[in-house]
Structure formats: structure tokens, C-alpha cells
N, C-alpha and C. Protein backbone atom coordinates (compact mmCIF):
# COMPACT_ATOMS: atom_id res chain seq x y z
N MET A 1 20.86 187.21 -62.19
CA MET A 1 20.39 188.59 -61.46
C MET A 1 20.93 188.58 -60.22
N LEU A 2 19.98 187.47 -59.28
CA LEU A 2 20.14 186.92 -57.93
C LEU A 2 21.80 187.06 -57.84
N MET A 3 22.81 185.98 -58.54
CA MET A 3 23.95 186.21 -57.73
C MET A 3 24.76 187.26 -57.91
N LEU A 4 24.55 188.34 -59.21
CA LEU A 4 25.27 189.47 -59.63
C LEU A 4 24.81 190.38 -58.97
N VAL A 5 23.43 190.86 -57.63
CA VAL A 5 23.39 190.62 -56.81
C VAL A 5 24.16 191.23 -55.93
N PHE A 6 24.02 189.51 -55.31
CA PHE A 6 24.90 188.64 -54.77
C PHE A 6 26.41 189.26 -54.48
N LEU A 7 26.87 188.94 -55.36
CA LEU A 7 27.93 189.48 -55.54
C LEU A 7 28.54 191.18 -55.24
N LEU A 8 27.57 191.72 -55.89
CA LEU A 8 27.88 193.57 -55.67
C LEU A 8 27.83 193.47 -53.69
N SER A 9 27.09 193.32 -53.46
CA SER A 9 26.63 193.07 -52.25
C SER A 9 28.21 192.82 -51.20
N ILE A 10 28.22 191.84 -52.03
CA ILE A 10 29.59 191.54 -51.51
C ILE A 10 31.37 192.60 -51.53
N ILE A 11 31.55 192.54 -52.38
CA ILE A 11 32.17 193.70 -52.45
C ILE A 11 31.98 194.41 -52.33
N PHE A 12 30.90 195.42 -51.60
CA PHE A 12 30.52 197.10 -50.73
C PHE A 12 30.96 196.74 -50.12
N THR A 13 30.73 195.46 -49.59
CA THR A 13 30.28 195.49 -48.33
C THR A 13 31.82 195.11 -47.50
N LEU A 14 32.47 194.07 -48.23
CA LEU A 14 33.66 194.14 -47.70
C LEU A 14 34.95 194.88 -48.38
N GLY A 15 34.35 194.87 -49.21
CA GLY A 15 35.51 196.53 -50.18
C GLY A 15 36.92 195.30 -50.63
N CYS A 16 37.64 195.98 -51.85
CA CYS A 16 38.06 194.97 -52.39
C CYS A 16 39.86 195.32 -52.00
N SER A 17 40.06 195.58 -51.24
CA SER A 17 41.60 197.03 -51.03
C SER A 17 41.91 195.70 -50.18
N THR A 18 41.66 194.79 -49.13
CA THR A 18 42.39 194.10 -48.44
C THR A 18 42.67 192.81 -49.26
N PRO A 19 43.75 192.18 -48.47
CA PRO A 19 44.03 190.68 -49.28
C PRO A 19 42.41 190.42 -48.33
N ALA A 20 42.24 189.96 -47.78
CA ALA A 20 41.06 189.57 -46.50
C ALA A 20 39.83 189.56 -46.90
N GLY A 21 39.73 191.27 -47.63
CA GLY A 21 38.48 190.89 -48.54
C GLY A 21 38.30 190.52 -50.15
N ASN A 22 39.85 190.59 -50.50
CA ASN A 22 39.61 189.63 -51.97
C ASN A 22 39.01 188.56 -51.82
N GLN A 23 39.97 187.61 -50.92
CA GLN A 23 40.56 186.18 -50.43
C GLN A 23 38.75 185.76 -50.38
N VAL A 24 37.77 186.38 -49.08
CA VAL A 24 36.14 186.76 -48.93
C VAL A 24 35.06 186.40 -50.67
N GLN A 25 35.62 187.11 -51.45
CA GLN A 25 34.52 187.99 -52.53
C GLN A 25 35.44 186.53 -53.42
N GLU A 26 36.89 186.34 -53.72
CA GLU A 26 36.44 185.04 -54.81
C GLU A 26 36.62 183.48 -54.52
N GLN A 27 36.10 183.38 -52.86
CA GLN A 27 35.50 182.63 -52.20
C GLN A 27 34.44 181.86 -52.51
N LEU A 28 34.00 182.80 -53.13
CA LEU A 28 32.31 183.29 -52.35
C LEU A 28 32.62 183.45 -54.47
N GLU A 29 32.71 184.30 -55.48
CA GLU A 29 32.64 183.73 -56.34
C GLU A 29 32.52 182.52 -56.96
N LEU A 30 33.69 181.42 -56.70
CA LEU A 30 33.75 180.27 -56.80
C LEU A 30 32.73 179.71 -56.34
N ALA A 31 31.78 179.74 -54.96
CA ALA A 31 30.93 179.05 -54.49
C ALA A 31 29.88 179.50 -55.19
N GLN A 32 29.40 180.69 -55.68
CA GLN A 32 28.80 180.98 -55.87
C GLN A 32 28.52 180.15 -57.82
N TYR A 33 29.84 179.80 -58.76
CA TYR A 33 29.90 179.23 -59.30
C TYR A 33 29.24 177.99 -59.69
N TYR A 34 30.06 177.42 -58.88
CA TYR A 34 29.95 175.67 -57.67
C TYR A 34 28.47 175.59 -58.06
N PHE A 35 27.74 176.49 -57.16
CA PHE A 35 26.35 176.43 -57.04
C PHE A 35 25.14 176.10 -57.88
N GLY A 36 26.54 177.33 -58.99
CA GLY A 36 25.33 177.16 -60.41
C GLY A 36 25.03 175.70 -61.59
N GLU A 37 26.43 175.67 -61.18
CA GLU A 37 26.39 173.88 -61.65
C GLU A 37 26.12 173.35 -60.79
N LYS A 38 25.33 173.36 -59.64
CA LYS A 38 25.36 172.16 -58.97
C LYS A 38 26.23 171.28 -58.74
N GLN A 39 27.63 172.08 -58.04
CA GLN A 39 28.25 170.67 -57.79
C GLN A 39 28.87 171.73 -56.17
N PHE A 40 27.45 170.99 -56.35
CA PHE A 40 27.51 171.34 -53.90
C PHE A 40 28.94 170.95 -52.91
N GLU A 41 29.13 169.92 -53.17
CA GLU A 41 30.43 169.60 -53.30
C GLU A 41 31.14 170.61 -52.67
N LYS A 42 31.20 170.87 -54.24
CA LYS A 42 32.64 171.80 -53.69
C LYS A 42 32.28 173.47 -53.14
N ALA A 43 30.80 173.49 -54.00
CA ALA A 43 30.30 174.47 -52.79
C ALA A 43 30.37 174.92 -51.16
N VAL A 44 30.27 174.43 -50.38
CA VAL A 44 30.59 173.56 -49.02
C VAL A 44 31.08 174.88 -48.94
N PRO A 45 32.61 174.08 -48.86
CA PRO A 45 33.59 174.68 -48.07
C PRO A 45 34.29 175.43 -48.47
N LEU A 46 33.66 176.46 -49.55
CA LEU A 46 34.19 177.96 -49.62
C LEU A 46 32.58 178.79 -49.09
N TYR A 47 31.79 178.01 -49.46
CA TYR A 47 31.32 178.90 -48.61
C TYR A 47 31.84 178.91 -46.58
N GLN A 48 31.73 177.63 -46.55
CA GLN A 48 32.10 178.01 -45.36
C GLN A 48 33.38 178.67 -45.03
N SER A 49 34.70 178.55 -45.70
CA SER A 49 35.91 179.88 -45.64
C SER A 49 35.13 180.97 -45.38
N ALA A 50 35.11 181.14 -46.41
CA ALA A 50 34.12 182.59 -46.40
C ALA A 50 33.32 183.35 -45.39
N LEU A 51 32.76 182.28 -44.89
CA LEU A 51 32.00 182.90 -43.81
C LEU A 51 32.15 183.19 -42.46
N ASP A 52 33.75 182.40 -42.34
CA ASP A 52 34.24 182.60 -41.03
C ASP A 52 35.19 183.44 -41.00
N LYS A 53 35.44 184.12 -42.41
CA LYS A 53 36.11 185.79 -42.40
C LYS A 53 34.95 186.92 -42.61
N MET A 54 33.43 187.00 -42.53
CA MET A 54 33.25 187.48 -42.46
C MET A 54 32.47 188.23 -41.58
N PRO A 55 31.97 189.70 -40.94
CA PRO A 55 31.75 190.44 -39.87
C PRO A 55 30.08 189.86 -39.49
N ASP A 56 29.91 189.82 -39.01
CA ASP A 56 28.43 189.18 -38.26
C ASP A 56 27.78 190.39 -39.00
N GLU A 57 27.11 190.69 -39.84
CA GLU A 57 26.17 192.25 -40.62
C GLU A 57 26.13 190.56 -42.25
N PRO A 58 24.81 191.82 -42.65
CA PRO A 58 24.40 191.26 -44.08
C PRO A 58 25.97 191.36 -44.71
N PRO A 59 26.17 190.89 -45.42
CA PRO A 59 25.23 189.76 -47.05
C PRO A 59 26.09 188.89 -46.24
N GLN A 60 26.35 187.65 -44.59
CA GLN A 60 26.45 187.02 -44.14
C GLN A 60 25.22 185.86 -43.97
N ASP A 61 24.09 187.20 -44.41
CA ASP A 61 22.84 186.35 -44.17
C ASP A 61 22.65 185.70 -45.15
N GLU A 62 22.85 185.60 -46.02
CA GLU A 62 22.64 185.11 -47.94
C GLU A 62 24.04 184.08 -47.69
N VAL A 63 24.57 184.30 -47.49
CA VAL A 63 26.08 183.29 -47.02
C VAL A 63 25.98 181.90 -46.40
N LEU A 64 24.95 181.79 -45.34
CA LEU A 64 24.45 181.21 -44.25
C LEU A 64 23.04 181.02 -44.88
N TYR A 65 22.04 181.11 -45.56
CA TYR A 65 21.27 179.84 -46.52
C TYR A 65 21.65 179.43 -47.88
N TYR A 66 22.48 180.26 -48.43
CA TYR A 66 23.31 179.22 -49.77
C TYR A 66 24.36 178.08 -49.08
N LEU A 67 25.23 178.67 -47.75
CA LEU A 67 25.39 176.99 -47.65
C LEU A 67 24.38 176.33 -46.67
N ALA A 68 23.52 176.25 -46.17
CA ALA A 68 22.42 175.25 -46.02
C ALA A 68 21.85 175.01 -46.91
N ASP A 69 21.53 175.97 -48.02
CA ASP A 69 20.84 175.22 -48.94
C ASP A 69 21.80 174.36 -49.82
N SER A 70 23.06 174.42 -50.10
CA SER A 70 23.96 173.67 -50.64
C SER A 70 24.13 171.88 -49.83
N LEU A 71 24.30 171.98 -48.72
CA LEU A 71 24.03 171.41 -47.45
C LEU A 71 22.65 170.24 -47.83
N GLN A 72 21.84 171.24 -47.53
CA GLN A 72 19.90 170.39 -47.72
C GLN A 72 20.40 169.34 -49.35
N ARG A 73 20.93 169.47 -49.95
CA ARG A 73 21.30 169.53 -51.72
C ARG A 73 22.13 167.94 -51.79
N LEU A 74 22.96 167.81 -50.62
CA LEU A 74 23.74 167.06 -50.24
C LEU A 74 23.38 166.07 -49.61
N GLY A 75 22.04 165.91 -48.80
CA GLY A 75 21.82 165.12 -47.73
C GLY A 75 22.18 166.12 -46.33
N ARG A 76 23.16 166.46 -45.97
CA ARG A 76 23.10 167.31 -44.96
C ARG A 76 22.27 167.60 -44.50
N TRP A 77 21.21 167.21 -43.78
CA TRP A 77 19.71 167.85 -43.53
C TRP A 77 20.38 168.85 -41.78
N ARG A 78 21.03 168.11 -41.34
CA ARG A 78 21.02 168.49 -39.39
C ARG A 78 21.93 169.96 -39.74
N LEU A 79 22.91 169.17 -40.29
CA LEU A 79 24.13 170.50 -40.25
C LEU A 79 23.82 171.53 -41.61
N ALA A 80 22.91 171.65 -42.03
CA ALA A 80 21.99 172.55 -42.58
C ALA A 80 21.48 173.59 -42.07
N ASP A 81 20.35 172.64 -40.89
CA ASP A 81 19.62 173.34 -40.26
C ASP A 81 20.86 174.04 -38.91
N ARG A 82 21.50 173.50 -38.87
CA ARG A 82 22.13 174.70 -38.42
C ARG A 82 22.49 176.20 -38.79
N TYR A 83 22.65 176.33 -40.07
CA TYR A 83 22.54 177.24 -40.63
C TYR A 83 22.00 178.20 -40.67
N LEU A 84 21.54 177.21 -41.11
CA LEU A 84 19.48 177.96 -41.47
C LEU A 84 18.88 178.65 -39.98
N ALA A 85 19.12 177.63 -39.17
CA ALA A 85 19.22 178.82 -37.69
C ALA A 85 19.64 179.48 -37.39
N ARG A 86 21.44 179.98 -37.62
CA ARG A 86 21.54 181.40 -37.62
C ARG A 86 21.23 182.38 -38.43
N CYS A 87 21.24 181.74 -39.50
CA CYS A 87 20.33 182.89 -40.90
C CYS A 87 18.98 183.31 -40.33
N PHE A 88 18.16 182.94 -39.60
CA PHE A 88 17.51 183.56 -38.81
C PHE A 88 16.89 183.89 -38.14
N ASP A 89 18.16 183.21 -36.81
CA ASP A 89 17.97 183.45 -35.37
C ASP A 89 18.43 184.93 -35.51
N ASP A 90 20.29 185.31 -36.12
CA ASP A 90 20.84 186.15 -36.63
C ASP A 90 20.57 187.54 -36.99
N PHE A 91 19.67 187.29 -38.02
CA PHE A 91 19.24 188.14 -38.96
C PHE A 91 17.34 187.58 -39.52
N PRO A 92 16.64 187.99 -38.70
CA PRO A 92 15.00 188.17 -37.86
C PRO A 92 15.01 188.90 -38.90
N ASP A 93 15.37 189.74 -39.42
CA ASP A 93 14.68 190.98 -40.31
C ASP A 93 15.60 190.76 -41.94
N SER A 94 15.64 189.60 -41.52
CA SER A 94 16.82 189.60 -44.11
C SER A 94 15.44 189.04 -44.57
N LYS A 95 16.22 189.30 -45.69
CA LYS A 95 15.18 188.54 -47.01
C LYS A 95 15.29 186.72 -46.91
N TRP A 96 16.47 186.95 -46.05
CA TRP A 96 17.10 185.30 -46.38
C TRP A 96 15.66 185.03 -45.28
N ALA A 97 15.14 185.34 -43.80
CA ALA A 97 15.06 184.71 -43.19
C ALA A 97 13.28 183.79 -43.33
N PRO A 98 12.91 184.35 -43.78
CA PRO A 98 11.08 183.95 -44.04
C PRO A 98 12.02 182.36 -44.85
N GLN A 99 12.63 182.26 -45.69
CA GLN A 99 12.67 181.08 -46.62
C GLN A 99 13.63 179.64 -45.74
N ALA A 100 14.67 180.63 -45.02
CA ALA A 100 15.67 179.95 -43.88
C ALA A 100 14.44 178.90 -42.86
N ARG A 101 13.36 179.85 -42.71
CA ARG A 101 12.54 179.08 -41.90
C ARG A 101 11.78 178.26 -42.27
N ARG A 102 11.04 178.64 -42.97
CA ARG A 102 10.57 177.68 -44.30
C ARG A 102 11.86 175.52 -44.81
N ARG A 103 12.26 176.71 -45.10
CA ARG A 103 13.19 174.66 -44.27
C ARG A 103 14.61 174.58 -43.51
N PHE A 104 13.58 174.90 -42.85
CA PHE A 104 14.18 174.28 -41.63
C PHE A 104 13.41 173.37 -41.12
N GLY A 105 13.79 171.85 -40.81
CA GLY A 105 13.80 170.68 -40.14
C GLY A 105 13.26 169.95 -41.25
N GLY A 106 13.19 170.50 -42.38
CA GLY A 106 13.80 168.72 -43.97
C GLY A 106 14.31 167.74 -43.71
N ARG A 107 14.19 166.97 -44.41
CA ARG A 107 14.65 165.63 -44.32
C ARG A 107 14.93 164.70 -45.22
N THR A 108 14.32 165.46 -46.03
CA THR A 108 14.03 164.46 -47.47
C THR A 108 13.35 165.16 -48.57
N TRP A 109 14.01 165.28 -49.87
CA TRP A 109 13.76 165.52 -51.09
C TRP A 109 12.05 165.01 -51.83
N ARG A 110 11.11 166.04 -52.26
CA ARG A 110 10.14 164.69 -52.63
C ARG A 110 9.43 165.21 -54.28
N LEU A 111 8.89 165.09 -54.73
CA LEU A 111 9.02 165.21 -56.31
C LEU A 111 7.05 165.96 -55.52
N GLN A 112 6.90 167.16 -55.55
CA GLN A 112 5.37 166.94 -55.51
C GLN A 112 5.29 167.31 -57.28
N TRP A 113 3.50 167.05 -57.43
CA TRP A 113 2.78 167.28 -58.30
C TRP A 113 1.83 167.58 -59.05
N ALA A 114 0.86 168.78 -57.21
CA ALA A 114 0.51 169.13 -57.52
C ALA A 114 -0.42 169.35 -56.09
N VAL A 115 -1.07 170.61 -56.20
CA VAL A 115 -1.76 171.49 -55.12
C VAL A 115 -3.39 171.41 -54.66
N TYR A 116 -3.80 171.09 -54.52
CA TYR A 116 -5.36 170.76 -54.87
C TYR A 116 -6.61 171.42 -53.88
N GLU A 117 -7.28 171.72 -53.90
CA GLU A 117 -8.14 172.86 -52.46
C GLU A 117 -9.07 171.59 -52.49
N LYS A 118 -9.50 170.93 -52.92
CA LYS A 118 -10.63 169.49 -53.14
C LYS A 118 -10.22 168.08 -52.64
N LEU A 119 -10.04 167.38 -51.68
CA LEU A 119 -9.92 165.91 -51.44
C LEU A 119 -9.23 164.86 -52.28
N ASP A 120 -10.66 165.74 -52.24
CA ASP A 120 -11.58 164.60 -54.10
C ASP A 120 -9.97 164.41 -55.14
N GLN A 121 -9.97 165.29 -55.63
CA GLN A 121 -8.73 165.35 -56.86
C GLN A 121 -7.53 165.64 -56.67
N ALA A 122 -7.25 165.37 -55.00
CA ALA A 122 -6.15 165.00 -54.68
C ALA A 122 -5.91 163.35 -54.60
N ILE A 123 -6.99 162.41 -54.41
CA ILE A 123 -6.59 161.68 -54.54
C ILE A 123 -7.26 161.06 -56.22
N GLU A 124 -7.65 161.60 -57.04
CA GLU A 124 -7.63 161.69 -58.43
C GLU A 124 -6.66 161.62 -58.97
N MET A 125 -5.93 162.16 -58.46
CA MET A 125 -4.76 162.21 -59.05
C MET A 125 -2.98 161.65 -58.90
N VAL A 126 -3.19 160.99 -57.61
CA VAL A 126 -3.28 159.60 -57.05
C VAL A 126 -3.27 158.44 -57.61
N ALA A 127 -4.92 158.29 -57.89
CA ALA A 127 -4.75 156.90 -59.22
C ALA A 127 -4.65 157.54 -60.47
N GLN A 128 -4.06 158.49 -60.48
CA GLN A 128 -3.46 158.53 -62.14
C GLN A 128 -2.56 158.15 -61.99
N LEU A 129 -1.54 159.04 -61.16
CA LEU A 129 0.33 158.26 -61.12
C LEU A 129 0.02 156.79 -60.54
N ALA A 130 -0.84 156.53 -59.85
CA ALA A 130 -1.05 155.33 -59.84
C ALA A 130 -0.77 153.90 -61.30
N LYS A 131 -1.55 154.79 -61.68
CA LYS A 131 -1.98 153.90 -63.28
C LYS A 131 -0.87 154.24 -64.41
N SER A 132 0.32 155.23 -63.84
CA SER A 132 0.98 155.51 -64.41
C SER A 132 2.45 154.99 -64.22
N GLY A 133 3.11 153.85 -62.94
CA GLY A 133 3.27 153.48 -62.49
C GLY A 133 3.72 154.32 -60.79
N GLN A 134 3.65 155.71 -60.97
CA GLN A 134 4.18 155.89 -59.58
C GLN A 134 3.48 156.05 -58.49
N SER A 135 4.48 156.12 -58.07
CA SER A 135 3.58 155.08 -56.29
C SER A 135 3.46 156.43 -55.17
N SER A 136 2.52 157.54 -55.21
CA SER A 136 2.16 158.36 -55.14
C SER A 136 1.53 158.97 -53.75
N ASP A 137 1.27 160.40 -52.38
CA ASP A 137 0.22 160.42 -51.58
C ASP A 137 -0.17 162.07 -51.67
N TRP A 138 -1.04 161.92 -50.46
CA TRP A 138 -1.70 162.66 -50.52
C TRP A 138 -1.03 163.34 -48.77
N SER A 139 -1.11 164.78 -48.71
CA SER A 139 -1.47 165.34 -47.31
C SER A 139 -1.86 166.61 -47.34
N PRO A 140 -2.44 167.18 -46.27
CA PRO A 140 -3.45 168.12 -45.93
C PRO A 140 -1.61 169.28 -45.67
N LEU A 141 -2.37 170.47 -45.86
CA LEU A 141 -1.73 171.70 -45.86
C LEU A 141 -2.63 173.16 -45.65
N ARG A 142 -2.18 173.61 -44.57
CA ARG A 142 -2.67 174.79 -44.14
C ARG A 142 -2.02 176.00 -44.80
N SER A 143 -2.18 176.92 -45.74
CA SER A 143 -2.37 177.86 -46.41
C SER A 143 -3.10 179.31 -46.13
N ASN A 144 -2.75 180.13 -45.44
CA ASN A 144 -3.23 181.34 -45.08
C ASN A 144 -4.58 180.60 -44.88
N GLY A 145 -4.59 180.01 -43.80
CA GLY A 145 -6.28 179.71 -43.53
C GLY A 145 -6.84 178.45 -43.39
N ASN A 146 -6.18 178.17 -45.69
CA ASN A 146 -7.37 177.54 -46.01
C ASN A 146 -6.19 176.36 -46.07
N LEU A 147 -6.69 174.75 -46.21
CA LEU A 147 -6.80 173.33 -45.88
C LEU A 147 -6.59 173.15 -47.52
N LEU A 148 -5.38 172.63 -47.62
CA LEU A 148 -5.13 172.32 -48.81
C LEU A 148 -4.78 171.06 -48.94
N TYR A 149 -4.62 170.19 -50.23
CA TYR A 149 -4.18 168.70 -50.12
C TYR A 149 -2.49 168.63 -51.91
N VAL A 150 -2.00 168.46 -50.87
CA VAL A 150 -0.80 168.24 -52.06
C VAL A 150 -0.31 166.83 -51.90
N VAL A 151 -0.16 166.41 -53.48
CA VAL A 151 -0.04 165.54 -53.73
C VAL A 151 2.33 165.56 -54.14
N ARG A 152 2.58 164.43 -53.73
CA ARG A 152 3.23 164.35 -53.87
C ARG A 152 4.22 162.77 -54.07
N SER A 153 5.55 162.89 -54.12
CA SER A 153 6.04 161.31 -54.12
C SER A 153 7.84 161.11 -54.53
N GLY A 154 8.09 160.23 -54.01
CA GLY A 154 9.62 159.40 -53.81
C GLY A 154 10.02 159.96 -52.18
N ARG A 155 10.51 159.89 -51.90
CA ARG A 155 11.31 160.76 -50.86
C ARG A 155 12.84 160.64 -50.86
N TYR A 156 13.60 160.69 -51.13
CA TYR A 156 15.09 161.20 -51.94
C TYR A 156 16.04 161.94 -50.65
N ASP A 157 17.38 160.98 -50.11
CA ASP A 157 17.70 161.55 -49.71
C ASP A 157 18.95 163.11 -50.00
N ASN A 158 18.80 162.91 -51.47
CA ASN A 158 19.85 163.62 -51.44
C ASN A 158 19.09 164.58 -52.84
N TYR A 159 19.46 165.91 -53.91
CA TYR A 159 18.66 166.42 -54.77
C TYR A 159 19.48 165.90 -55.56
N ALA A 160 20.12 164.80 -56.11
CA ALA A 160 20.69 164.58 -57.13
C ALA A 160 19.48 163.56 -57.60
N GLN A 161 19.45 162.83 -56.22
CA GLN A 161 18.23 161.93 -56.42
C GLN A 161 17.30 161.90 -57.23
N ALA A 162 16.98 162.68 -56.35
CA ALA A 162 15.60 163.53 -56.79
C ALA A 162 15.08 164.38 -57.97
N GLN A 163 16.28 164.71 -58.52
CA GLN A 163 16.77 165.28 -60.01
C GLN A 163 16.57 164.37 -61.40
N ASP A 164 16.90 162.79 -60.93
CA ASP A 164 17.10 161.78 -61.36
C ASP A 164 15.37 161.01 -61.20
N ALA A 165 14.60 160.73 -60.56
CA ALA A 165 13.61 160.57 -60.62
C ALA A 165 12.37 161.57 -61.27
N LEU A 166 12.90 162.87 -61.22
CA LEU A 166 12.31 164.15 -62.12
C LEU A 166 12.47 163.59 -63.51
N GLU A 167 14.24 162.97 -63.97
CA GLU A 167 13.42 163.07 -65.14
C GLU A 167 13.01 161.74 -65.60
N GLN A 168 12.84 160.80 -65.24
CA GLN A 168 12.26 159.42 -65.12
C GLN A 168 10.39 160.06 -65.26
N THR A 169 10.29 160.93 -64.98
CA THR A 169 8.82 161.44 -64.90
C THR A 169 8.17 162.20 -66.10
N ARG A 170 9.51 162.50 -66.99
CA ARG A 170 9.34 163.56 -68.37
C ARG A 170 8.83 163.05 -68.95
N ASN A 171 7.78 161.77 -68.92
CA ASN A 171 6.44 162.34 -69.86
C ASN A 171 5.55 161.78 -69.37
N GLU A 172 5.32 161.99 -67.76
CA GLU A 172 3.86 162.03 -67.66
C GLU A 172 3.48 163.71 -68.16
N PRO A 173 1.90 163.31 -68.01
CA PRO A 173 1.05 164.60 -68.66
C PRO A 173 1.44 165.93 -68.14
N ARG A 174 1.97 165.52 -66.77
CA ARG A 174 1.66 166.43 -65.37
C ARG A 174 2.32 166.64 -65.06
N PRO A 175 3.07 167.62 -64.76
CA PRO A 175 5.09 168.16 -64.33
C PRO A 175 5.18 167.88 -62.85
N ALA A 176 5.91 167.87 -62.25
CA ALA A 176 6.15 167.75 -61.03
C ALA A 176 7.54 168.21 -60.67
N ALA A 177 7.76 169.07 -59.93
CA ALA A 177 8.81 170.45 -58.74
C ALA A 177 9.13 169.14 -57.50
N ILE A 178 11.00 169.64 -57.58
CA ILE A 178 10.88 169.52 -56.01
C ILE A 178 11.13 169.77 -55.00
N VAL A 179 10.64 169.45 -53.80
CA VAL A 179 10.71 169.95 -52.98
C VAL A 179 11.28 169.55 -51.87
N ILE A 180 10.74 170.24 -50.44
CA ILE A 180 11.62 169.92 -49.23
C ILE A 180 10.39 169.24 -48.79
N ALA A 181 10.59 167.76 -48.24
CA ALA A 181 9.80 167.46 -46.70
C ALA A 181 10.60 167.50 -45.86
N SER A 182 9.63 167.23 -44.67
CA SER A 182 9.49 167.30 -43.14
C SER A 182 9.53 165.64 -43.24
N LEU A 183 10.15 165.10 -42.07
CA LEU A 183 9.49 163.95 -42.05
C LEU A 183 8.08 163.85 -40.97
N MET A 184 7.58 164.50 -40.23
CA MET A 184 6.44 164.59 -39.64
C MET A 184 5.55 164.73 -41.22
N GLU A 185 6.14 165.16 -42.03
CA GLU A 185 4.91 165.20 -43.15
C GLU A 185 4.80 163.71 -43.50
N LEU A 186 3.72 163.25 -42.76
CA LEU A 186 3.15 162.04 -42.95
C LEU A 186 2.54 162.21 -43.80
N PRO A 187 2.72 160.88 -44.43
CA PRO A 187 1.59 161.21 -46.00
C PRO A 187 0.25 160.35 -45.68
N ARG A 188 -0.86 160.74 -45.99
CA ARG A 188 -2.12 159.94 -45.73
C ARG A 188 -2.25 158.70 -47.02
N ARG A 189 -3.63 157.43 -46.63
CA ARG A 189 -3.08 156.59 -47.84
C ARG A 189 -3.21 156.81 -48.93
N GLN A 190 -3.02 155.68 -49.64
CA GLN A 190 -3.32 155.97 -51.69
C GLN A 190 -3.69 155.65 -51.67
N ASP A 191 -5.20 154.70 -50.91
CA ASP A 191 -6.41 154.86 -51.32
C ASP A 191 -7.22 154.90 -50.46
N LYS A 192 -6.87 156.27 -50.50
CA LYS A 192 -7.97 156.84 -49.37
C LYS A 192 -8.69 158.01 -48.96
């Protein structure tokens, strides 16, 4: 559904009557296809080419976000930050701006196992994962004025590596999710 809304907004914004509009529309449709197929290396040049031909108005914000997302998944973190910054700087009221701000500064993919309200629960989860051979850690997280404890494992340069690691954990009693983390999020010791 999101992809359909995205493509329709491109069609209405650029129009299909001009050759440039048709070319941009085709590039974005193909980029979204590759993105959906997790072929990010093919999506990136299409997003970049379309972006160069688009006016500085929505839906450029959405294209900036998807381009940055694709770059992060390929492990091209610093270049992704440039596009994320353009998204939230040039389009501060965009629905994509808050997501761009959250992802800005990410430098690694991790597996997130759980978020707890109590530190003891996080420490117990780290111990359970250690028993099953998973090296993990906990980190504090402030959310809506509350202090929470996040249990994560691994550090992966790109999304494909994180997906491979996630696949190897399919027999764990609790499923994990792939998340972006900043290198400033220093993990706490596993046994403390």
C-alpha cells in the first residue's frame, strides 16, 4: 500500500505528459521494485538519478528517505546520513522527517531481542542468550521520560549480514528484530 501511495504521488506531482516526468516515474518504479526485492545496490543509482531530476518539493522527501535507507542497508552509513539530513532539514514538516532523524547517525545493524522496564529482566535475558551461545549485551534507553533496557546482539556492517545472523537464531525461544544502532550506544557488560 505504501508503495502504491508513493508511486501515485510521483505520478501526480511530476505528471506523465513530459518525457522527464515519465523517466523519473520509471526510475522510481524500478527503484521501488528493487528495494522491495532487497536488491539495494540496484535501487540506489535509480533513486539518485531520479532525485537529480526532481523539484525540491515533496515527494522528494520520500525519495531521500528511501535512498538513505538503501544506502544504510548496504553499509554506506556516512553517505546515507547526507540524504537523511537533507530529508529532515529541507522538509522539517514531512512525515519522513522524524524517521530520518531517528536513523541519522546509525553505523551498524544489530539484533534486538527485547526491551525491558527492569534491569534485572535485561540481565536475565542476556544470561539466557549466553546459555544458547548468543553473545549479547544490554543498553539503557530513554523513552517518553522512562528508562528502559534494550537487549541486543551482534554488530553487522550491512543488512544482509544482519539477515544471515537473524536466520541463524530462528530456533531461539524469543524472536529478534533487526535494528540500526549508533556506535555511541555502548553496550554494558554481559555479566553485570
